Amino acid sequence: MRTSYQVISGKRAVALQSASTPQEALIEYLRATGCNSDEITRMGVNTVAWRGAVYRAVPAETDS
């Protein structure tokens, strides 16, 4: 089941990704920006780092 995740860098939401897990959302986002997989440091289930920047994914809020 895919879920929508907000990709956050610092205090800013930088993307909305649909993925099965938060980490998958982050990896897909960074790969789409041209980042190589070997440059990504996995820091947890919802956090990665790339060249000193820390990105995290949280479930996107839905308007009901």
PDB file of N, CA and C in Angstrom:
ATOM      1  N   MET A   1       0.840  -1.185   0.000  1.00  0.00           N
ATOM      2  CA  MET A   1       0.000   0.000   0.000  1.00  0.00           C
ATOM      3  C   MET A   1       0.882   1.244   0.000  1.00  0.00           C
ATOM      4  N   ARG A   2       0.620   2.129  -0.914  1.00  0.00           N
ATOM      5  CA  ARG A   2       1.407   3.343  -1.011  1.00  0.00           C
ATOM      6  C   ARG A   2       0.751   4.453  -0.197  1.00  0.00           C
ATOM      7  N   THR A   3       1.576   5.261   0.428  1.00  0.00           N
ATOM      8  CA  THR A   3       1.133   6.378   1.254  1.00  0.00           C
ATOM      9  C   THR A   3       1.816   7.641   0.746  1.00  0.00           C
ATOM     10  N   SER A   4       1.183   8.777   0.923  1.00  0.00           N
ATOM     11  CA  SER A   4       1.804  10.053   0.558  1.00  0.00           C
ATOM     12  C   SER A   4       2.635  10.546   1.737  1.00  0.00           C
ATOM     13  N   TYR A   5       3.875  10.917   1.439  1.00  0.00           N
ATOM     14  CA  TYR A   5       4.789  11.435   2.451  1.00  0.00           C
ATOM     15  C   TYR A   5       5.290  12.809   2.046  1.00  0.00           C
ATOM     16  N   GLN A   6       5.419  13.696   3.027  1.00  0.00           N
ATOM     17  CA  GLN A   6       6.089  14.967   2.806  1.00  0.00           C
ATOM     18  C   GLN A   6       7.568  14.746   3.065  1.00  0.00           C
ATOM     19  N   VAL A   7       8.399  15.200   2.141  1.00  0.00           N
ATOM     20  CA  VAL A   7       9.846  15.158   2.329  1.00  0.00           C
ATOM     21  C   VAL A   7      10.237  16.516   2.894  1.00  0.00           C
ATOM     22  N   ILE A   8      10.909  16.502   4.043  1.00  0.00           N
ATOM     23  CA  ILE A   8      11.248  17.727   4.751  1.00  0.00           C
ATOM     24  C   ILE A   8      12.758  17.860   4.879  1.00  0.00           C
ATOM     25  N   SER A   9      13.246  19.049   4.568  1.00  0.00           N
ATOM     26  CA  SER A   9      14.659  19.384   4.752  1.00  0.00           C
ATOM     27  C   SER A   9      14.701  20.614   5.646  1.00  0.00           C
ATOM     28  N   GLY A  10      15.307  20.466   6.808  1.00  0.00           N
ATOM     29  CA  GLY A  10      15.281  21.567   7.776  1.00  0.00           C
ATOM     30  C   GLY A  10      13.862  21.777   8.254  1.00  0.00           C
ATOM     31  N   LYS A  11      13.333  22.975   8.028  1.00  0.00           N
ATOM     32  CA  LYS A  11      11.959  23.282   8.422  1.00  0.00           C
ATOM     33  C   LYS A  11      11.028  23.360   7.217  1.00  0.00           C
ATOM     34  N   ARG A  12      11.573  23.084   6.014  1.00  0.00           N
ATOM     35  CA  ARG A  12      10.800  23.231   4.781  1.00  0.00           C
ATOM     36  C   ARG A  12      10.373  21.897   4.199  1.00  0.00           C
ATOM     37  N   ALA A  13       9.129  21.837   3.767  1.00  0.00           N
ATOM     38  CA  ALA A  13       8.673  20.682   2.996  1.00  0.00           C
ATOM     39  C   ALA A  13       9.140  20.919   1.562  1.00  0.00           C
ATOM     40  N   VAL A  14       9.899  19.990   1.020  1.00  0.00           N
ATOM     41  CA  VAL A  14      10.474  20.172  -0.318  1.00  0.00           C
ATOM     42  C   VAL A  14       9.808  19.316  -1.385  1.00  0.00           C
ATOM     43  N   ALA A  15       9.019  18.304  -0.974  1.00  0.00           N
ATOM     44  CA  ALA A  15       8.381  17.442  -1.967  1.00  0.00           C
ATOM     45  C   ALA A  15       7.270  16.639  -1.320  1.00  0.00           C
ATOM     46  N   LEU A  16       6.417  16.118  -2.173  1.00  0.00           N
ATOM     47  CA  LEU A  16       5.382  15.174  -1.776  1.00  0.00           C
ATOM     48  C   LEU A  16       5.617  13.917  -2.595  1.00  0.00           C
ATOM     49  N   GLN A  17       5.856  12.792  -1.915  1.00  0.00           N
ATOM     50  CA  GLN A  17       6.184  11.529  -2.578  1.00  0.00           C
ATOM     51  C   GLN A  17       5.191  10.458  -2.169  1.00  0.00           C
ATOM     52  N   SER A  18       4.835   9.607  -3.100  1.00  0.00           N
ATOM     53  CA  SER A  18       4.012   8.444  -2.806  1.00  0.00           C
ATOM     54  C   SER A  18       4.936   7.232  -2.763  1.00  0.00           C
ATOM     55  N   ALA A  19       4.895   6.484  -1.647  1.00  0.00           N
ATOM     56  CA  ALA A  19       5.797   5.347  -1.478  1.00  0.00           C
ATOM     57  C   ALA A  19       5.228   4.383  -0.449  1.00  0.00           C
ATOM     58  N   SER A  20       5.841   3.206  -0.374  1.00  0.00           N
ATOM     59  CA  SER A  20       5.418   2.189   0.598  1.00  0.00           C
ATOM     60  C   SER A  20       5.940   2.480   1.999  1.00  0.00           C
ATOM     61  N   THR A  21       7.129   3.096   2.088  1.00  0.00           N
ATOM     62  CA  THR A  21       7.738   3.406   3.381  1.00  0.00           C
ATOM     63  C   THR A  21       8.319   4.818   3.336  1.00  0.00           C
ATOM     64  N   PRO A  22       8.539   5.425   4.505  1.00  0.00           N
ATOM     65  CA  PRO A  22       9.150   6.755   4.515  1.00  0.00           C
ATOM     66  C   PRO A  22      10.546   6.755   3.869  1.00  0.00           C
ATOM     67  N   GLN A  23      11.337   5.714   4.139  1.00  0.00           N
ATOM     68  CA  GLN A  23      12.684   5.664   3.579  1.00  0.00           C
ATOM     69  C   GLN A  23      12.648   5.549   2.055  1.00  0.00           C
ATOM     70  N   GLU A  24      11.709   4.768   1.533  1.00  0.00           N
ATOM     71  CA  GLU A  24      11.560   4.653   0.087  1.00  0.00           C
ATOM     72  C   GLU A  24      11.209   6.011  -0.523  1.00  0.00           C
ATOM     73  N   ALA A  25      10.353   6.773   0.139  1.00  0.00           N
ATOM     74  CA  ALA A  25       9.990   8.109  -0.347  1.00  0.00           C
ATOM     75  C   ALA A  25      11.222   9.013  -0.419  1.00  0.00           C
ATOM     76  N   LEU A  26      12.063   8.942   0.603  1.00  0.00           N
ATOM     77  CA  LEU A  26      13.277   9.764   0.624  1.00  0.00           C
ATOM     78  C   LEU A  26      14.255   9.362  -0.467  1.00  0.00           C
ATOM     79  N   ILE A  27      14.481   8.063  -0.608  1.00  0.00           N
ATOM     80  CA  ILE A  27      15.426   7.568  -1.614  1.00  0.00           C
ATOM     81  C   ILE A  27      14.936   7.938  -3.014  1.00  0.00           C
ATOM     82  N   GLU A  28      13.646   7.746  -3.276  1.00  0.00           N
ATOM     83  CA  GLU A  28      13.099   8.089  -4.598  1.00  0.00           C
ATOM     84  C   GLU A  28      13.241   9.580  -4.876  1.00  0.00           C
ATOM     85  N   TYR A  29      12.977  10.404  -3.871  1.00  0.00           N
ATOM     86  CA  TYR A  29      13.116  11.855  -4.049  1.00  0.00           C
ATOM     87  C   TYR A  29      14.562  12.227  -4.383  1.00  0.00           C
ATOM     88  N   LEU A  30      15.504  11.743  -3.589  1.00  0.00           N
ATOM     89  CA  LEU A  30      16.902  12.107  -3.813  1.00  0.00           C
ATOM     90  C   LEU A  30      17.434  11.552  -5.130  1.00  0.00           C
ATOM     91  N   ARG A  31      17.052  10.329  -5.484  1.00  0.00           N
ATOM     92  CA  ARG A  31      17.480   9.756  -6.772  1.00  0.00           C
ATOM     93  C   ARG A  31      16.929  10.583  -7.930  1.00  0.00           C
ATOM     94  N   ALA A  32      15.713  11.095  -7.799  1.00  0.00           N
ATOM     95  CA  ALA A  32      15.106  11.918  -8.849  1.00  0.00           C
ATOM     96  C   ALA A  32      15.835  13.256  -9.012  1.00  0.00           C
ATOM     97  N   THR A  33      16.503  13.717  -7.955  1.00  0.00           N
ATOM     98  CA  THR A  33      17.254  14.969  -8.047  1.00  0.00           C
ATOM     99  C   THR A  33      18.682  14.753  -8.555  1.00  0.00           C
ATOM    100  N   GLY A  34      19.031  13.483  -8.832  1.00  0.00           N
ATOM    101  CA  GLY A  34      20.340  13.194  -9.393  1.00  0.00           C
ATOM    102  C   GLY A  34      21.356  12.659  -8.409  1.00  0.00           C
ATOM    103  N   CYS A  35      20.932  12.376  -7.200  1.00  0.00           N
ATOM    104  CA  CYS A  35      21.831  11.861  -6.177  1.00  0.00           C
ATOM    105  C   CYS A  35      22.099  10.376  -6.421  1.00  0.00           C
ATOM    106  N   ASN A  36      23.344   9.952  -6.265  1.00  0.00           N
ATOM    107  CA  ASN A  36      23.696   8.537  -6.370  1.00  0.00           C
ATOM    108  C   ASN A  36      23.372   7.826  -5.063  1.00  0.00           C
ATOM    109  N   SER A  37      22.957   6.583  -5.152  1.00  0.00           N
ATOM    110  CA  SER A  37      22.597   5.810  -3.959  1.00  0.00           C
ATOM    111  C   SER A  37      23.741   5.711  -2.955  1.00  0.00           C
ATOM    112  N   ASP A  38      24.976   5.622  -3.437  1.00  0.00           N
ATOM    113  CA  ASP A  38      26.108   5.482  -2.520  1.00  0.00           C
ATOM    114  C   ASP A  38      26.441   6.770  -1.773  1.00  0.00           C
ATOM    115  N   GLU A  39      25.809   7.886  -2.138  1.00  0.00           N
ATOM    116  CA  GLU A  39      26.017   9.151  -1.438  1.00  0.00           C
ATOM    117  C   GLU A  39      25.004   9.368  -0.313  1.00  0.00           C
ATOM    118  N   ILE A  40      23.992   8.516  -0.248  1.00  0.00           N
ATOM    119  CA  ILE A  40      22.920   8.668   0.742  1.00  0.00           C
ATOM    120  C   ILE A  40      23.269   7.871   1.991  1.00  0.00           C
ATOM    121  N   THR A  41      23.198   8.532   3.142  1.00  0.00           N
ATOM    122  CA  THR A  41      23.430   7.875   4.426  1.00  0.00           C
ATOM    123  C   THR A  41      22.090   7.676   5.109  1.00  0.00           C
ATOM    124  N   ARG A  42      21.720   6.437   5.332  1.00  0.00           N
ATOM    125  CA  ARG A  42      20.461   6.128   6.008  1.00  0.00           C
ATOM    126  C   ARG A  42      20.663   6.292   7.507  1.00  0.00           C
ATOM    127  N   MET A  43      19.840   7.126   8.112  1.00  0.00           N
ATOM    128  CA  MET A  43      19.990   7.440   9.533  1.00  0.00           C
ATOM    129  C   MET A  43      18.872   6.858  10.386  1.00  0.00           C
ATOM    130  N   GLY A  44      17.848   6.349   9.771  1.00  0.00           N
ATOM    131  CA  GLY A  44      16.716   5.777  10.491  1.00  0.00           C
ATOM    132  C   GLY A  44      15.640   5.411   9.496  1.00  0.00           C
ATOM    133  N   VAL A  45      14.486   4.994  10.002  1.00  0.00           N
ATOM    134  CA  VAL A  45      13.421   4.562   9.099  1.00  0.00           C
ATOM    135  C   VAL A  45      12.801   5.717   8.328  1.00  0.00           C
ATOM    136  N   ASN A  46      12.939   6.935   8.845  1.00  0.00           N
ATOM    137  CA  ASN A  46      12.349   8.073   8.141  1.00  0.00           C
ATOM    138  C   ASN A  46      13.327   9.235   7.962  1.00  0.00           C
ATOM    139  N   THR A  47      14.631   8.963   8.056  1.00  0.00           N
ATOM    140  CA  THR A  47      15.630  10.024   7.957  1.00  0.00           C
ATOM    141  C   THR A  47      16.842   9.550   7.171  1.00  0.00           C
ATOM    142  N   VAL A  48      17.303  10.416   6.257  1.00  0.00           N
ATOM    143  CA  VAL A  48      18.543  10.166   5.523  1.00  0.00           C
ATOM    144  C   VAL A  48      19.332  11.473   5.442  1.00  0.00           C
ATOM    145  N   ALA A  49      20.610  11.342   5.132  1.00  0.00           N
ATOM    146  CA  ALA A  49      21.456  12.517   4.938  1.00  0.00           C
ATOM    147  C   ALA A  49      22.124  12.410   3.573  1.00  0.00           C
ATOM    148  N   TRP A  50      22.325  13.554   2.965  1.00  0.00           N
ATOM    149  CA  TRP A  50      23.023  13.627   1.689  1.00  0.00           C
ATOM    150  C   TRP A  50      23.830  14.915   1.656  1.00  0.00           C
ATOM    151  N   ARG A  51      25.153  14.774   1.571  1.00  0.00           N
ATOM    152  CA  ARG A  51      26.071  15.909   1.522  1.00  0.00           C
ATOM    153  C   ARG A  51      25.817  16.925   2.635  1.00  0.00           C
ATOM    154  N   GLY A  52      25.573  16.423   3.838  1.00  0.00           N
ATOM    155  CA  GLY A  52      25.389  17.288   4.996  1.00  0.00           C
ATOM    156  C   GLY A  52      23.959  17.728   5.241  1.00  0.00           C
ATOM    157  N   ALA A  53      23.085  17.578   4.265  1.00  0.00           N
ATOM    158  CA  ALA A  53      21.682  17.944   4.444  1.00  0.00           C
ATOM    159  C   ALA A  53      20.926  16.739   4.985  1.00  0.00           C
ATOM    160  N   VAL A  54      20.042  16.983   5.926  1.00  0.00           N
ATOM    161  CA  VAL A  54      19.247  15.917   6.521  1.00  0.00           C
ATOM    162  C   VAL A  54      17.816  16.036   6.004  1.00  0.00           C
ATOM    163  N   TYR A  55      17.300  14.929   5.531  1.00  0.00           N
ATOM    164  CA  TYR A  55      15.939  14.864   5.007  1.00  0.00           C
ATOM    165  C   TYR A  55      15.157  13.864   5.832  1.00  0.00           C
ATOM    166  N   ARG A  56      13.885  14.168   6.073  1.00  0.00           N
ATOM    167  CA  ARG A  56      13.030  13.212   6.755  1.00  0.00           C
ATOM    168  C   ARG A  56      11.680  13.175   6.051  1.00  0.00           C
ATOM    169  N   ALA A  57      10.988  12.070   6.205  1.00  0.00           N
ATOM    170  CA  ALA A  57       9.679  11.899   5.579  1.00  0.00           C
ATOM    171  C   ALA A  57       8.635  11.666   6.660  1.00  0.00           C
ATOM    172  N   VAL A  58       7.527  12.390   6.538  1.00  0.00           N
ATOM    173  CA  VAL A  58       6.408  12.226   7.447  1.00  0.00           C
ATOM    174  C   VAL A  58       5.149  12.029   6.627  1.00  0.00           C
ATOM    175  N   PRO A  59       4.180  11.285   7.146  1.00  0.00           N
ATOM    176  CA  PRO A  59       2.939  11.121   6.397  1.00  0.00           C
ATOM    177  C   PRO A  59       2.318  12.475   6.089  1.00  0.00           C
ATOM    178  N   ALA A  60       1.869  12.653   4.866  1.00  0.00           N
ATOM    179  CA  ALA A  60       1.258  13.917   4.451  1.00  0.00           C
ATOM    180  C   ALA A  60      -0.107  14.042   5.093  1.00  0.00           C
ATOM    181  N   GLU A  61      -0.424  15.255   5.479  1.00  0.00           N
ATOM    182  CA  GLU A  61      -1.748  15.515   6.026  1.00  0.00           C
ATOM    183  C   GLU A  61      -2.746  15.513   4.879  1.00  0.00           C
ATOM    184  N   THR A  62      -3.897  14.904   5.112  1.00  0.00           N
ATOM    185  CA  THR A  62      -4.922  14.864   4.083  1.00  0.00           C
ATOM    186  C   THR A  62      -6.087  15.736   4.507  1.00  0.00           C
ATOM    187  N   ASP A  63      -6.673  16.407   3.540  1.00  0.00           N
ATOM    188  CA  ASP A  63      -7.863  17.219   3.810  1.00  0.00           C
ATOM    189  C   ASP A  63      -9.082  16.339   3.658  1.00  0.00           C
ATOM    190  N   SER A  64      -9.825  16.171   4.726  1.00  0.00           N
ATOM    191  CA  SER A  64     -11.024  15.331   4.669  1.00  0.00           C
ATOM    192  C   SER A  64     -12.270  16.167   4.696  1.00  0.00           C
TER     193      SER A  64
END
